[in-house]
Each structure stands twice: as structure tokens, then as C-alpha cells.
Amino acid sequence: MGDQTCMRCGEQVESSRDDYEVFERMHWDCFHYAYEHDLNGEVPESADCGQPGCPSAVSEG
């Protein structure tokens, strides 16, 4: 798999090379927060943005 370092958080990415490239060399969560989560600058990372699969929705109690 080679060295796959997330461009957002700097941690190792343990996904396939294809997924790594599709998600702009990031973890899926990091990609979501960088490109999908807050398109209008109004939703903090700790809040569910309403997108299916939002990582913040999972962490809300």
C-alpha cells in the first residue's frame, strides 16, 4: 500500500490506494469535513450537517 498520509490530519490512512486517491489523499472523515460538511460556513464540526453518513451525527448522543 505504501505511505498513505492524510493531507488534512497527518495520520496514516489504512484504505485502498483507489479510495485514498478518490478522497483527495485523506481519510473519509477528513474529506467530509474539508469538502462536504460546511459548505456555507455555518456548521461546526461537532454538529450533524445533515449529510448521510456525517461522522458528527454518529458521535451525537
Protein backbone atom coordinates (compact mmCIF):
# COMPACT_ATOMS: atom_id res chain seq x y z
CA MET A 1 0.00 0.00 0.00
CA GLY A 2 2.93 2.35 0.59
CA ASP A 3 2.97 5.52 2.61
CA GLN A 4 -0.53 6.97 2.70
CA THR A 5 -0.58 10.03 4.93
CA CYS A 6 -3.76 12.08 5.31
CA MET A 7 -3.32 15.54 3.81
CA ARG A 8 -5.62 17.04 6.48
CA CYS A 9 -4.70 15.42 9.80
CA GLY A 10 -1.28 13.90 9.05
CA GLU A 11 -2.19 10.41 10.30
CA GLN A 12 -1.75 7.18 8.31
CA VAL A 13 -4.65 6.21 6.02
CA GLU A 14 -5.40 2.49 6.00
CA SER A 15 -7.64 2.21 2.95
CA SER A 16 -7.08 1.02 -0.58
CA ARG A 17 -4.94 3.15 -2.89
CA ASP A 18 -8.03 3.86 -5.02
CA ASP A 19 -10.03 5.16 -2.04
CA TYR A 20 -7.04 7.19 -0.88
CA GLU A 21 -6.90 8.94 -4.26
CA VAL A 22 -10.71 9.38 -4.56
CA PHE A 23 -10.81 11.11 -1.18
CA GLU A 24 -8.02 13.55 -2.13
CA ARG A 25 -5.40 11.64 -0.10
CA MET A 26 -7.40 11.88 3.13
CA HIS A 27 -9.42 9.71 5.50
CA TRP A 28 -13.08 9.73 4.52
CA ASP A 29 -13.96 11.70 7.69
CA CYS A 30 -11.30 14.33 6.92
CA PHE A 31 -12.53 14.57 3.32
CA HIS A 32 -16.09 15.03 4.55
CA TYR A 33 -15.11 17.85 6.91
CA ALA A 34 -12.91 19.54 4.28
CA TYR A 35 -15.30 19.39 1.31
CA GLU A 36 -18.84 18.41 2.29
CA HIS A 37 -19.63 19.23 5.90
CA ASP A 38 -19.79 23.01 5.98
CA LEU A 39 -20.38 24.39 2.52
CA ASN A 40 -21.82 27.69 3.80
CA GLY A 41 -19.54 28.31 6.79
CA GLU A 42 -22.29 27.82 9.37
CA VAL A 43 -21.96 24.26 10.74
CA PRO A 44 -19.27 23.42 13.32
CA GLU A 45 -17.55 20.03 13.02
CA SER A 46 -19.19 18.94 16.27
CA ALA A 47 -22.70 19.25 14.78
CA ASP A 48 -24.50 16.98 12.33
CA CYS A 49 -24.52 18.69 8.94
CA GLY A 50 -27.44 16.63 7.64
CA GLN A 51 -25.45 14.73 5.02
CA PRO A 52 -25.97 10.95 5.14
CA GLY A 53 -23.06 9.36 7.00
CA CYS A 54 -21.84 12.56 8.65
CA PRO A 55 -19.30 11.48 11.30
CA SER A 56 -20.67 14.10 13.72
CA ALA A 57 -24.14 12.53 13.56
CA VAL A 58 -22.68 9.25 14.80
CA SER A 59 -20.94 10.90 17.74
CA GLU A 60 -24.04 12.80 18.91
CA GLY A 61 -25.68 11.09 21.86
